[in-house]
PDB file of all heavy atoms in Angstrom:
ATOM      1  N   LYS A   1       2.190  -3.341   7.677  1.00  0.00           N
ATOM      2  CA  LYS A   1       2.114  -4.003   8.996  1.00  0.00           C
ATOM      3  C   LYS A   1       1.289  -3.164   9.966  1.00  0.00           C
ATOM      4  O   LYS A   1       0.401  -3.670  10.666  1.00  0.00           O
ATOM      5  CB  LYS A   1       3.521  -4.221   9.564  1.00  0.00           C
ATOM      6  CG  LYS A   1       4.268  -5.392   8.962  1.00  0.00           C
ATOM      7  CD  LYS A   1       5.639  -5.522   9.609  1.00  0.00           C
ATOM      8  CE  LYS A   1       6.444  -6.649   8.988  1.00  0.00           C
ATOM      9  NZ  LYS A   1       7.802  -6.744   9.582  1.00  0.00           N
ATOM     10  N   LEU A   2       1.577  -1.865  10.037  1.00  0.00           N
ATOM     11  CA  LEU A   2       0.817  -0.989  10.938  1.00  0.00           C
ATOM     12  C   LEU A   2      -0.639  -0.891  10.504  1.00  0.00           C
ATOM     13  O   LEU A   2      -1.553  -0.909  11.336  1.00  0.00           O
ATOM     14  CB  LEU A   2       1.439   0.409  10.969  1.00  0.00           C
ATOM     15  CG  LEU A   2       2.724   0.575  11.783  1.00  0.00           C
ATOM     16  CD1 LEU A   2       3.210   2.011  11.709  1.00  0.00           C
ATOM     17  CD2 LEU A   2       2.507   0.184  13.234  1.00  0.00           C
ATOM     18  N   ALA A   3      -0.858  -0.792   9.193  1.00  0.00           N
ATOM     19  CA  ALA A   3      -2.228  -0.675   8.694  1.00  0.00           C
ATOM     20  C   ALA A   3      -3.050  -1.911   9.058  1.00  0.00           C
ATOM     21  O   ALA A   3      -4.220  -1.797   9.440  1.00  0.00           O
ATOM     22  CB  ALA A   3      -2.220  -0.472   7.184  1.00  0.00           C
ATOM     23  N   ARG A   4      -2.456  -3.080   8.983  1.00  0.00           N
ATOM     24  CA  ARG A   4      -3.200  -4.317   9.262  1.00  0.00           C
ATOM     25  C   ARG A   4      -3.521  -4.455  10.748  1.00  0.00           C
ATOM     26  O   ARG A   4      -4.455  -5.156  11.122  1.00  0.00           O
ATOM     27  CB  ARG A   4      -2.419  -5.537   8.769  1.00  0.00           C
ATOM     28  CG  ARG A   4      -2.241  -5.551   7.269  1.00  0.00           C
ATOM     29  CD  ARG A   4      -1.768  -6.872   6.745  1.00  0.00           C
ATOM     30  NE  ARG A   4      -2.823  -7.885   6.804  1.00  0.00           N
ATOM     31  CZ  ARG A   4      -2.728  -9.097   6.259  1.00  0.00           C
ATOM     32  NH1 ARG A   4      -1.638  -9.430   5.603  1.00  0.00           N
ATOM     33  NH2 ARG A   4      -3.711  -9.951   6.356  1.00  0.00           N
ATOM     34  N   GLU A   5      -2.756  -3.784  11.612  1.00  0.00           N
ATOM     35  CA  GLU A   5      -3.064  -3.826  13.046  1.00  0.00           C
ATOM     36  C   GLU A   5      -4.389  -3.143  13.356  1.00  0.00           C
ATOM     37  O   GLU A   5      -5.148  -3.602  14.204  1.00  0.00           O
ATOM     38  CB  GLU A   5      -1.937  -3.157  13.852  1.00  0.00           C
ATOM     39  CG  GLU A   5      -0.674  -3.983  13.956  1.00  0.00           C
ATOM     40  CD  GLU A   5       0.339  -3.345  14.893  1.00  0.00           C
ATOM     41  OE1 GLU A   5      -0.090  -2.672  15.850  1.00  0.00           O
ATOM     42  OE2 GLU A   5       1.552  -3.512  14.668  1.00  0.00           O
ATOM     43  N   VAL A   6      -4.659  -2.037  12.659  1.00  0.00           N
ATOM     44  CA  VAL A   6      -5.897  -1.293  12.933  1.00  0.00           C
ATOM     45  C   VAL A   6      -6.975  -1.556  11.885  1.00  0.00           C
ATOM     46  O   VAL A   6      -8.145  -1.242  12.097  1.00  0.00           O
ATOM     47  CB  VAL A   6      -5.608   0.230  13.012  1.00  0.00           C
ATOM     48  CG1 VAL A   6      -4.678   0.537  14.163  1.00  0.00           C
ATOM     49  CG2 VAL A   6      -5.012   0.742  11.705  1.00  0.00           C
ATOM     50  N   ASP A   7      -6.575  -2.103  10.760  1.00  0.00           N
ATOM     51  CA  ASP A   7      -7.525  -2.399   9.675  1.00  0.00           C
ATOM     52  C   ASP A   7      -7.205  -3.783   9.111  1.00  0.00           C
ATOM     53  O   ASP A   7      -6.740  -3.911   7.970  1.00  0.00           O
ATOM     54  CB  ASP A   7      -7.401  -1.311   8.588  1.00  0.00           C
ATOM     55  CG  ASP A   7      -8.397  -1.508   7.449  1.00  0.00           C
ATOM     56  OD1 ASP A   7      -9.492  -2.039   7.716  1.00  0.00           O
ATOM     57  OD2 ASP A   7      -8.071  -1.131   6.306  1.00  0.00           O
ATOM     58  N   PRO A   8      -7.443  -4.839   9.904  1.00  0.00           N
ATOM     59  CA  PRO A   8      -7.014  -6.188   9.500  1.00  0.00           C
ATOM     60  C   PRO A   8      -7.658  -6.683   8.209  1.00  0.00           C
ATOM     61  O   PRO A   8      -7.067  -7.494   7.492  1.00  0.00           O
ATOM     62  CB  PRO A   8      -7.427  -7.068  10.693  1.00  0.00           C
ATOM     63  CG  PRO A   8      -8.452  -6.277  11.431  1.00  0.00           C
ATOM     64  CD  PRO A   8      -8.104  -4.851  11.217  1.00  0.00           C
ATOM     65  N   GLU A   9      -8.844  -6.201   7.868  1.00  0.00           N
ATOM     66  CA  GLU A   9      -9.519  -6.654   6.653  1.00  0.00           C
ATOM     67  C   GLU A   9      -9.197  -5.773   5.452  1.00  0.00           C
ATOM     68  O   GLU A   9      -9.672  -6.037   4.340  1.00  0.00           O
ATOM     69  CB  GLU A   9     -11.035  -6.691   6.879  1.00  0.00           C
ATOM     70  CG  GLU A   9     -11.449  -7.683   7.965  1.00  0.00           C
ATOM     71  CD  GLU A   9     -12.951  -7.682   8.185  1.00  0.00           C
ATOM     72  OE1 GLU A   9     -13.651  -6.950   7.447  1.00  0.00           O
ATOM     73  OE2 GLU A   9     -13.425  -8.408   9.075  1.00  0.00           O
ATOM     74  N   GLY A  10      -8.406  -4.737   5.643  1.00  0.00           N
ATOM     75  CA  GLY A  10      -8.002  -3.877   4.540  1.00  0.00           C
ATOM     76  C   GLY A  10      -9.127  -3.060   3.940  1.00  0.00           C
ATOM     77  O   GLY A  10      -9.083  -2.684   2.762  1.00  0.00           O
ATOM     78  N   ILE A  11     -10.127  -2.725   4.762  1.00  0.00           N
ATOM     79  CA  ILE A  11     -11.304  -2.011   4.250  1.00  0.00           C
ATOM     80  C   ILE A  11     -10.983  -0.554   3.941  1.00  0.00           C
ATOM     81  O   ILE A  11     -11.454   0.006   2.952  1.00  0.00           O
ATOM     82  CB  ILE A  11     -12.460  -2.108   5.268  1.00  0.00           C
ATOM     83  CG1 ILE A  11     -12.915  -3.566   5.406  1.00  0.00           C
ATOM     84  CG2 ILE A  11     -13.623  -1.219   4.863  1.00  0.00           C
ATOM     85  CD1 ILE A  11     -13.945  -3.786   6.481  1.00  0.00           C
ATOM     86  N   ARG A  12     -10.162   0.081   4.785  1.00  0.00           N
ATOM     87  CA  ARG A  12      -9.887   1.510   4.599  1.00  0.00           C
ATOM     88  C   ARG A  12      -8.412   1.777   4.306  1.00  0.00           C
ATOM     89  O   ARG A  12      -7.892   2.848   4.608  1.00  0.00           O
ATOM     90  CB  ARG A  12     -10.345   2.309   5.825  1.00  0.00           C
ATOM     91  CG  ARG A  12      -9.826   1.824   7.157  1.00  0.00           C
ATOM     92  CD  ARG A  12     -10.487   2.561   8.309  1.00  0.00           C
ATOM     93  NE  ARG A  12     -10.015   2.100   9.611  1.00  0.00           N
ATOM     94  CZ  ARG A  12      -8.971   2.616  10.244  1.00  0.00           C
ATOM     95  NH1 ARG A  12      -8.292   3.600   9.708  1.00  0.00           N
ATOM     96  NH2 ARG A  12      -8.616   2.149  11.436  1.00  0.00           N
ATOM     97  N   THR A  13      -7.736   0.793   3.713  1.00  0.00           N
ATOM     98  CA  THR A  13      -6.325   0.942   3.353  1.00  0.00           C
ATOM     99  C   THR A  13      -6.175   0.898   1.838  1.00  0.00           C
ATOM    100  O   THR A  13      -6.801   0.076   1.168  1.00  0.00           O
ATOM    101  CB  THR A  13      -5.477  -0.175   3.982  1.00  0.00           C
ATOM    102  OG1 THR A  13      -5.648  -0.163   5.402  1.00  0.00           O
ATOM    103  CG2 THR A  13      -4.000   0.011   3.662  1.00  0.00           C
ATOM    104  N   ILE A  14      -5.353   1.787   1.317  1.00  0.00           N
ATOM    105  CA  ILE A  14      -5.000   1.759  -0.100  1.00  0.00           C
ATOM    106  C   ILE A  14      -3.476   1.715  -0.187  1.00  0.00           C
ATOM    107  O   ILE A  14      -2.777   2.430   0.543  1.00  0.00           O
ATOM    108  CB  ILE A  14      -5.570   2.980  -0.857  1.00  0.00           C
ATOM    109  CG1 ILE A  14      -5.125   2.955  -2.317  1.00  0.00           C
ATOM    110  CG2 ILE A  14      -5.187   4.292  -0.202  1.00  0.00           C
ATOM    111  CD1 ILE A  14      -5.808   4.004  -3.174  1.00  0.00           C
ATOM    112  N   GLY A  15      -2.950   0.839  -1.055  1.00  0.00           N
ATOM    113  CA  GLY A  15      -1.508   0.672  -1.169  1.00  0.00           C
ATOM    114  C   GLY A  15      -0.936   1.459  -2.330  1.00  0.00           C
ATOM    115  O   GLY A  15      -1.567   1.606  -3.384  1.00  0.00           O
ATOM    116  N   VAL A  16       0.260   1.964  -2.136  1.00  0.00           N
ATOM    117  CA  VAL A  16       0.999   2.655  -3.196  1.00  0.00           C
ATOM    118  C   VAL A  16       2.330   1.935  -3.370  1.00  0.00           C
ATOM    119  O   VAL A  16       3.042   1.679  -2.388  1.00  0.00           O
ATOM    120  CB  VAL A  16       1.231   4.141  -2.855  1.00  0.00           C
ATOM    121  CG1 VAL A  16       2.088   4.800  -3.930  1.00  0.00           C
ATOM    122  CG2 VAL A  16      -0.090   4.873  -2.730  1.00  0.00           C
ATOM    123  N   LEU A  17       2.649   1.591  -4.621  1.00  0.00           N
ATOM    124  CA  LEU A  17       3.906   0.893  -4.925  1.00  0.00           C
ATOM    125  C   LEU A  17       4.830   1.870  -5.643  1.00  0.00           C
ATOM    126  O   LEU A  17       4.525   2.329  -6.765  1.00  0.00           O
ATOM    127  CB  LEU A  17       3.640  -0.333  -5.792  1.00  0.00           C
ATOM    128  CG  LEU A  17       2.707  -1.390  -5.173  1.00  0.00           C
ATOM    129  CD1 LEU A  17       2.386  -2.465  -6.180  1.00  0.00           C
ATOM    130  CD2 LEU A  17       3.332  -1.991  -3.925  1.00  0.00           C
ATOM    131  N   THR A  18       5.933   2.237  -4.983  1.00  0.00           N
ATOM    132  CA  THR A  18       6.904   3.162  -5.567  1.00  0.00           C
ATOM    133  C   THR A  18       8.103   2.369  -6.105  1.00  0.00           C
ATOM    134  O   THR A  18       8.216   1.162  -5.887  1.00  0.00           O
ATOM    135  CB  THR A  18       7.381   4.168  -4.516  1.00  0.00           C
ATOM    136  OG1 THR A  18       8.045   3.453  -3.455  1.00  0.00           O
ATOM    137  CG2 THR A  18       6.206   4.947  -3.923  1.00  0.00           C
ATOM    138  N   LYS A  19       8.968   3.074  -6.803  1.00  0.00           N
ATOM    139  CA  LYS A  19      10.216   2.491  -7.332  1.00  0.00           C
ATOM    140  C   LYS A  19       9.958   1.293  -8.238  1.00  0.00           C
ATOM    141  O   LYS A  19      10.738   0.333  -8.276  1.00  0.00           O
ATOM    142  CB  LYS A  19      11.147   2.098  -6.170  1.00  0.00           C
ATOM    143  CG  LYS A  19      11.458   3.262  -5.230  1.00  0.00           C
ATOM    144  CD  LYS A  19      12.426   2.863  -4.131  1.00  0.00           C
ATOM    145  CE  LYS A  19      12.677   4.030  -3.188  1.00  0.00           C
ATOM    146  NZ  LYS A  19      13.627   3.703  -2.104  1.00  0.00           N
ATOM    147  N   VAL A  20       8.836   1.340  -8.969  1.00  0.00           N
ATOM    148  CA  VAL A  20       8.533   0.259  -9.911  1.00  0.00           C
ATOM    149  C   VAL A  20       9.597   0.187 -11.003  1.00  0.00           C
ATOM    150  O   VAL A  20       9.933  -0.905 -11.491  1.00  0.00           O
ATOM    151  CB  VAL A  20       7.131   0.478 -10.525  1.00  0.00           C
ATOM    152  CG1 VAL A  20       6.801  -0.587 -11.549  1.00  0.00           C
ATOM    153  CG2 VAL A  20       6.074   0.503  -9.438  1.00  0.00           C
ATOM    154  N   ASP A  21      10.149   1.337 -11.378  1.00  0.00           N
ATOM    155  CA  ASP A  21      11.158   1.371 -12.443  1.00  0.00           C
ATOM    156  C   ASP A  21      12.499   0.820 -11.993  1.00  0.00           C
ATOM    157  O   ASP A  21      13.384   0.592 -12.827  1.00  0.00           O
ATOM    158  CB  ASP A  21      11.316   2.806 -12.942  1.00  0.00           C
ATOM    159  CG  ASP A  21      11.659   3.781 -11.822  1.00  0.00           C
ATOM    160  OD1 ASP A  21      11.206   3.541 -10.673  1.00  0.00           O
ATOM    161  OD2 ASP A  21      12.359   4.786 -12.074  1.00  0.00           O
ATOM    162  N   LEU A  22      12.672   0.603 -10.677  1.00  0.00           N
ATOM    163  CA  LEU A  22      13.953   0.102 -10.164  1.00  0.00           C
ATOM    164  C   LEU A  22      13.940  -1.402  -9.915  1.00  0.00           C
ATOM    165  O   LEU A  22      14.912  -1.949  -9.388  1.00  0.00           O
ATOM    166  CB  LEU A  22      14.310   0.829  -8.853  1.00  0.00           C
ATOM    167  CG  LEU A  22      14.442   2.357  -8.943  1.00  0.00           C
ATOM    168  CD1 LEU A  22      14.824   2.933  -7.585  1.00  0.00           C
ATOM    169  CD2 LEU A  22      15.461   2.759  -9.990  1.00  0.00           C
ATOM    170  N   MET A  23      12.850  -2.071 -10.279  1.00  0.00           N
ATOM    171  CA  MET A  23      12.764  -3.516 -10.074  1.00  0.00           C
ATOM    172  C   MET A  23      13.688  -4.244 -11.050  1.00  0.00           C
ATOM    173  O   MET A  23      14.001  -3.742 -12.137  1.00  0.00           O
ATOM    174  CB  MET A  23      11.322  -3.994 -10.257  1.00  0.00           C
ATOM    175  CG  MET A  23      10.344  -3.416  -9.241  1.00  0.00           C
ATOM    176  SD  MET A  23       8.675  -4.028  -9.466  1.00  0.00           S
ATOM    177  CE  MET A  23       8.888  -5.757  -9.017  1.00  0.00           C
ATOM    178  N   ASP A  24      14.116  -5.444 -10.670  1.00  0.00           N
ATOM    179  CA  ASP A  24      14.975  -6.250 -11.538  1.00  0.00           C
ATOM    180  C   ASP A  24      14.270  -6.534 -12.856  1.00  0.00           C
ATOM    181  O   ASP A  24      13.030  -6.657 -12.911  1.00  0.00           O
ATOM    182  CB  ASP A  24      15.339  -7.567 -10.854  1.00  0.00           C
ATOM    183  CG  ASP A  24      16.191  -7.343  -9.612  1.00  0.00           C
ATOM    184  OD1 ASP A  24      16.858  -6.285  -9.552  1.00  0.00           O
ATOM    185  OD2 ASP A  24      16.183  -8.207  -8.710  1.00  0.00           O
ATOM    186  N   GLU A  25      15.063  -6.653 -13.905  1.00  0.00           N
ATOM    187  CA  GLU A  25      14.498  -6.904 -15.227  1.00  0.00           C
ATOM    188  C   GLU A  25      13.750  -8.233 -15.241  1.00  0.00           C
ATOM    189  O   GLU A  25      14.225  -9.239 -14.697  1.00  0.00           O
ATOM    190  CB  GLU A  25      15.619  -6.911 -16.277  1.00  0.00           C
ATOM    191  CG  GLU A  25      15.109  -6.969 -17.704  1.00  0.00           C
ATOM    192  CD  GLU A  25      16.241  -6.856 -18.718  1.00  0.00           C
ATOM    193  OE1 GLU A  25      17.380  -6.557 -18.299  1.00  0.00           O
ATOM    194  OE2 GLU A  25      15.982  -7.062 -19.904  1.00  0.00           O
ATOM    195  N   GLY A  26      12.580  -8.217 -15.824  1.00  0.00           N
ATOM    196  CA  GLY A  26      11.757  -9.428 -15.894  1.00  0.00           C
ATOM    197  C   GLY A  26      10.798  -9.597 -14.731  1.00  0.00           C
ATOM    198  O   GLY A  26      10.030 -10.565 -14.689  1.00  0.00           O
ATOM    199  N   THR A  27      10.864  -8.674 -13.772  1.00  0.00           N
ATOM    200  CA  THR A  27       9.931  -8.736 -12.634  1.00  0.00           C
ATOM    201  C   THR A  27       8.947  -7.579 -12.719  1.00  0.00           C
ATOM    202  O   THR A  27       9.252  -6.536 -13.314  1.00  0.00           O
ATOM    203  CB  THR A  27      10.675  -8.675 -11.289  1.00  0.00           C
ATOM    204  OG1 THR A  27      11.382  -7.420 -11.211  1.00  0.00           O
ATOM    205  CG2 THR A  27      11.660  -9.829 -11.154  1.00  0.00           C
ATOM    206  N   ASP A  28       7.775  -7.757 -12.108  1.00  0.00           N
ATOM    207  CA  ASP A  28       6.774  -6.703 -12.086  1.00  0.00           C
ATOM    208  C   ASP A  28       5.900  -6.866 -10.843  1.00  0.00           C
ATOM    209  O   ASP A  28       6.116  -7.769 -10.027  1.00  0.00           O
ATOM    210  CB  ASP A  28       5.912  -6.724 -13.358  1.00  0.00           C
ATOM    211  CG  ASP A  28       5.261  -8.079 -13.600  1.00  0.00           C
ATOM    212  OD1 ASP A  28       4.696  -8.647 -12.629  1.00  0.00           O
ATOM    213  OD2 ASP A  28       5.308  -8.584 -14.739  1.00  0.00           O
ATOM    214  N   VAL A  29       4.912  -5.979 -10.719  1.00  0.00           N
ATOM    215  CA  VAL A  29       4.032  -5.999  -9.537  1.00  0.00           C
ATOM    216  C   VAL A  29       2.596  -6.320  -9.933  1.00  0.00           C
ATOM    217  O   VAL A  29       1.660  -5.939  -9.232  1.00  0.00           O
ATOM    218  CB  VAL A  29       4.099  -4.644  -8.783  1.00  0.00           C
ATOM    219  CG1 VAL A  29       5.440  -4.444  -8.130  1.00  0.00           C
ATOM    220  CG2 VAL A  29       3.749  -3.490  -9.725  1.00  0.00           C
ATOM    221  N   ILE A  30       2.433  -7.021 -11.060  1.00  0.00           N
ATOM    222  CA  ILE A  30       1.084  -7.329 -11.540  1.00  0.00           C
ATOM    223  C   ILE A  30       0.304  -8.148 -10.511  1.00  0.00           C
ATOM    224  O   ILE A  30      -0.890  -7.882 -10.256  1.00  0.00           O
ATOM    225  CB  ILE A  30       1.154  -8.079 -12.894  1.00  0.00           C
ATOM    226  CG1 ILE A  30       1.725  -7.160 -13.971  1.00  0.00           C
ATOM    227  CG2 ILE A  30      -0.234  -8.578 -13.301  1.00  0.00           C
ATOM    228  CD1 ILE A  30       0.891  -5.936 -14.241  1.00  0.00           C
ATOM    229  N   ASN A  31       0.955  -9.147  -9.896  1.00  0.00           N
ATOM    230  CA  ASN A  31       0.260  -9.973  -8.893  1.00  0.00           C
ATOM    231  C   ASN A  31      -0.210  -9.142  -7.704  1.00  0.00           C
ATOM    232  O   ASN A  31      -1.269  -9.394  -7.128  1.00  0.00           O
ATOM    233  CB  ASN A  31       1.167 -11.104  -8.413  1.00  0.00           C
ATOM    234  CG  ASN A  31       1.313 -12.202  -9.453  1.00  0.00           C
ATOM    235  OD1 ASN A  31       0.472 -12.316 -10.353  1.00  0.00           O
ATOM    236  ND2 ASN A  31       2.372 -12.994  -9.341  1.00  0.00           N
ATOM    237  N   ILE A  32       0.597  -8.146  -7.333  1.00  0.00           N
ATOM    238  CA  ILE A  32       0.200  -7.279  -6.213  1.00  0.00           C
ATOM    239  C   ILE A  32      -0.967  -6.394  -6.628  1.00  0.00           C
ATOM    240  O   ILE A  32      -1.946  -6.231  -5.889  1.00  0.00           O
ATOM    241  CB  ILE A  32       1.395  -6.417  -5.747  1.00  0.00           C
ATOM    242  CG1 ILE A  32       2.533  -7.314  -5.244  1.00  0.00           C
ATOM    243  CG2 ILE A  32       0.959  -5.444  -4.653  1.00  0.00           C
ATOM    244  CD1 ILE A  32       3.793  -6.557  -4.874  1.00  0.00           C
ATOM    245  N   LEU A  33      -0.887  -5.832  -7.837  1.00  0.00           N
ATOM    246  CA  LEU A  33      -1.949  -4.939  -8.314  1.00  0.00           C
ATOM    247  C   LEU A  33      -3.283  -5.663  -8.460  1.00  0.00           C
ATOM    248  O   LEU A  33      -4.349  -5.068  -8.271  1.00  0.00           O
ATOM    249  CB  LEU A  33      -1.548  -4.313  -9.660  1.00  0.00           C
ATOM    250  CG  LEU A  33      -0.351  -3.348  -9.637  1.00  0.00           C
ATOM    251  CD1 LEU A  33      -0.013  -2.876 -11.044  1.00  0.00           C
ATOM    252  CD2 LEU A  33      -0.636  -2.154  -8.741  1.00  0.00           C
ATOM    253  N   THR A  34      -3.237  -6.948  -8.776  1.00  0.00           N
ATOM    254  CA  THR A  34      -4.479  -7.720  -8.929  1.00  0.00           C
ATOM    255  C   THR A  34      -4.953  -8.328  -7.611  1.00  0.00           C
ATOM    256  O   THR A  34      -5.928  -9.087  -7.598  1.00  0.00           O
ATOM    257  CB  THR A  34      -4.271  -8.839  -9.970  1.00  0.00           C
ATOM    258  OG1 THR A  34      -3.130  -9.639  -9.599  1.00  0.00           O
ATOM    259  CG2 THR A  34      -4.058  -8.257 -11.358  1.00  0.00           C
ATOM    260  N   GLY A  35      -4.258  -8.019  -6.509  1.00  0.00           N
ATOM    261  CA  GLY A  35      -4.714  -8.457  -5.190  1.00  0.00           C
ATOM    262  C   GLY A  35      -4.422  -9.905  -4.875  1.00  0.00           C
ATOM    263  O   GLY A  35      -5.090 -10.500  -4.023  1.00  0.00           O
ATOM    264  N   LYS A  36      -3.402 -10.480  -5.514  1.00  0.00           N
ATOM    265  CA  LYS A  36      -3.099 -11.893  -5.280  1.00  0.00           C
ATOM    266  C   LYS A  36      -2.078 -12.103  -4.166  1.00  0.00           C
ATOM    267  O   LYS A  36      -1.834 -13.235  -3.755  1.00  0.00           O
ATOM    268  CB  LYS A  36      -2.577 -12.533  -6.569  1.00  0.00           C
ATOM    269  CG  LYS A  36      -3.624 -12.585  -7.674  1.00  0.00           C
ATOM    270  CD  LYS A  36      -3.056 -13.204  -8.943  1.00  0.00           C
ATOM    271  CE  LYS A  36      -4.114 -13.246 -10.050  1.00  0.00           C
ATOM    272  NZ  LYS A  36      -3.574 -13.818 -11.304  1.00  0.00           N
ATOM    273  N   VAL A  37      -1.469 -11.036  -3.682  1.00  0.00           N
ATOM    274  CA  VAL A  37      -0.441 -11.177  -2.629  1.00  0.00           C
ATOM    275  C   VAL A  37      -1.036 -10.787  -1.276  1.00  0.00           C
ATOM    276  O   VAL A  37      -1.283 -11.637  -0.432  1.00  0.00           O
ATOM    277  CB  VAL A  37       0.794 -10.311  -2.955  1.00  0.00           C
ATOM    278  CG1 VAL A  37       1.870 -10.480  -1.870  1.00  0.00           C
ATOM    279  CG2 VAL A  37       1.361 -10.705  -4.318  1.00  0.00           C
ATOM    280  N   ILE A  38      -1.245  -9.514  -1.071  1.00  0.00           N
ATOM    281  CA  ILE A  38      -1.917  -9.026   0.151  1.00  0.00           C
ATOM    282  C   ILE A  38      -3.091  -8.168  -0.305  1.00  0.00           C
ATOM    283  O   ILE A  38      -2.910  -6.992  -0.635  1.00  0.00           O
ATOM    284  CB  ILE A  38      -0.949  -8.208   1.039  1.00  0.00           C
ATOM    285  CG1 ILE A  38       0.253  -9.062   1.464  1.00  0.00           C
ATOM    286  CG2 ILE A  38      -1.673  -7.692   2.292  1.00  0.00           C
ATOM    287  CD1 ILE A  38       1.290  -8.305   2.276  1.00  0.00           C
ATOM    288  N   PRO A  39      -4.281  -8.736  -0.364  1.00  0.00           N
ATOM    289  CA  PRO A  39      -5.420  -7.998  -0.926  1.00  0.00           C
ATOM    290  C   PRO A  39      -5.860  -6.840  -0.032  1.00  0.00           C
ATOM    291  O   PRO A  39      -5.836  -6.930   1.186  1.00  0.00           O
ATOM    292  CB  PRO A  39      -6.523  -9.062  -1.024  1.00  0.00           C
ATOM    293  CG  PRO A  39      -6.152 -10.082   0.000  1.00  0.00           C
ATOM    294  CD  PRO A  39      -4.661 -10.096   0.066  1.00  0.00           C
ATOM    295  N   LEU A  40      -6.250  -5.744  -0.693  1.00  0.00           N
ATOM    296  CA  LEU A  40      -6.824  -4.583  -0.019  1.00  0.00           C
ATOM    297  C   LEU A  40      -8.118  -4.215  -0.729  1.00  0.00           C
ATOM    298  O   LEU A  40      -8.229  -4.342  -1.954  1.00  0.00           O
ATOM    299  CB  LEU A  40      -5.854  -3.387  -0.049  1.00  0.00           C
ATOM    300  CG  LEU A  40      -4.514  -3.540   0.676  1.00  0.00           C
ATOM    301  CD1 LEU A  40      -3.641  -2.315   0.422  1.00  0.00           C
ATOM    302  CD2 LEU A  40      -4.716  -3.752   2.162  1.00  0.00           C
ATOM    303  N   ARG A  41      -9.110  -3.755   0.028  1.00  0.00           N
ATOM    304  CA  ARG A  41     -10.400  -3.406  -0.558  1.00  0.00           C
ATOM    305  C   ARG A  41     -10.243  -2.335  -1.646  1.00  0.00           C
ATOM    306  O   ARG A  41     -10.887  -2.394  -2.693  1.00  0.00           O
ATOM    307  CB  ARG A  41     -11.335  -2.902   0.548  1.00  0.00           C
ATOM    308  CG  ARG A  41     -12.676  -2.382   0.074  1.00  0.00           C
ATOM    309  CD  ARG A  41     -13.615  -3.500  -0.313  1.00  0.00           C
ATOM    310  NE  ARG A  41     -13.888  -4.370   0.831  1.00  0.00           N
ATOM    311  CZ  ARG A  41     -14.846  -4.142   1.735  1.00  0.00           C
ATOM    312  NH1 ARG A  41     -15.610  -3.061   1.613  1.00  0.00           N
ATOM    313  NH2 ARG A  41     -15.048  -4.985   2.729  1.00  0.00           N
ATOM    314  N   ASN A  42      -9.375  -1.336  -1.392  1.00  0.00           N
ATOM    315  CA  ASN A  42      -9.178  -0.245  -2.350  1.00  0.00           C
ATOM    316  C   ASN A  42      -8.030  -0.488  -3.315  1.00  0.00           C
ATOM    317  O   ASN A  42      -7.719   0.380  -4.142  1.00  0.00           O
ATOM    318  CB  ASN A  42      -8.940   1.070  -1.596  1.00  0.00           C
ATOM    319  CG  ASN A  42     -10.151   1.476  -0.780  1.00  0.00           C
ATOM    320  OD1 ASN A  42     -11.257   1.550  -1.304  1.00  0.00           O
ATOM    321  ND2 ASN A  42      -9.948   1.728   0.504  1.00  0.00           N
ATOM    322  N   GLY A  43      -7.373  -1.643  -3.197  1.00  0.00           N
ATOM    323  CA  GLY A  43      -6.339  -2.023  -4.148  1.00  0.00           C
ATOM    324  C   GLY A  43      -5.026  -1.270  -3.990  1.00  0.00           C
ATOM    325  O   GLY A  43      -4.769  -0.609  -2.972  1.00  0.00           O
ATOM    326  N   TYR A  44      -4.191  -1.395  -5.068  1.00  0.00           N
ATOM    327  CA  TYR A  44      -2.869  -0.767  -5.088  1.00  0.00           C
ATOM    328  C   TYR A  44      -2.758   0.094  -6.343  1.00  0.00           C
ATOM    329  O   TYR A  44      -3.408  -0.156  -7.362  1.00  0.00           O
ATOM    330  CB  TYR A  44      -1.761  -1.821  -5.122  1.00  0.00           C
ATOM    331  CG  TYR A  44      -1.669  -2.681  -3.881  1.00  0.00           C
ATOM    332  CD1 TYR A  44      -2.502  -3.786  -3.730  1.00  0.00           C
ATOM    333  CD2 TYR A  44      -0.745  -2.404  -2.887  1.00  0.00           C
ATOM    334  CE1 TYR A  44      -2.425  -4.592  -2.599  1.00  0.00           C
ATOM    335  CE2 TYR A  44      -0.648  -3.203  -1.757  1.00  0.00           C
ATOM    336  CZ  TYR A  44      -1.495  -4.295  -1.610  1.00  0.00           C
ATOM    337  OH  TYR A  44      -1.405  -5.079  -0.504  1.00  0.00           O
ATOM    338  N   VAL A  45      -1.896   1.100  -6.266  1.00  0.00           N
ATOM    339  CA  VAL A  45      -1.577   1.936  -7.425  1.00  0.00           C
ATOM    340  C   VAL A  45      -0.058   2.016  -7.546  1.00  0.00           C
ATOM    341  O   VAL A  45       0.634   2.316  -6.560  1.00  0.00           O
ATOM    342  CB  VAL A  45      -2.177   3.350  -7.296  1.00  0.00           C
ATOM    343  CG1 VAL A  45      -1.781   4.209  -8.500  1.00  0.00           C
ATOM    344  CG2 VAL A  45      -3.690   3.290  -7.179  1.00  0.00           C
TER     345      VAL A  45
END
């Protein structure tokens, strides 16, 4: 939210997804990593 206030196009923002191992069984973050949820120029890790 804060990043989008100063970088609305996501040009200089990179996302980090933590606690991937704590997600419910059968769920993943593939859609986020491929930029289908909230796209960022530098993507997510």
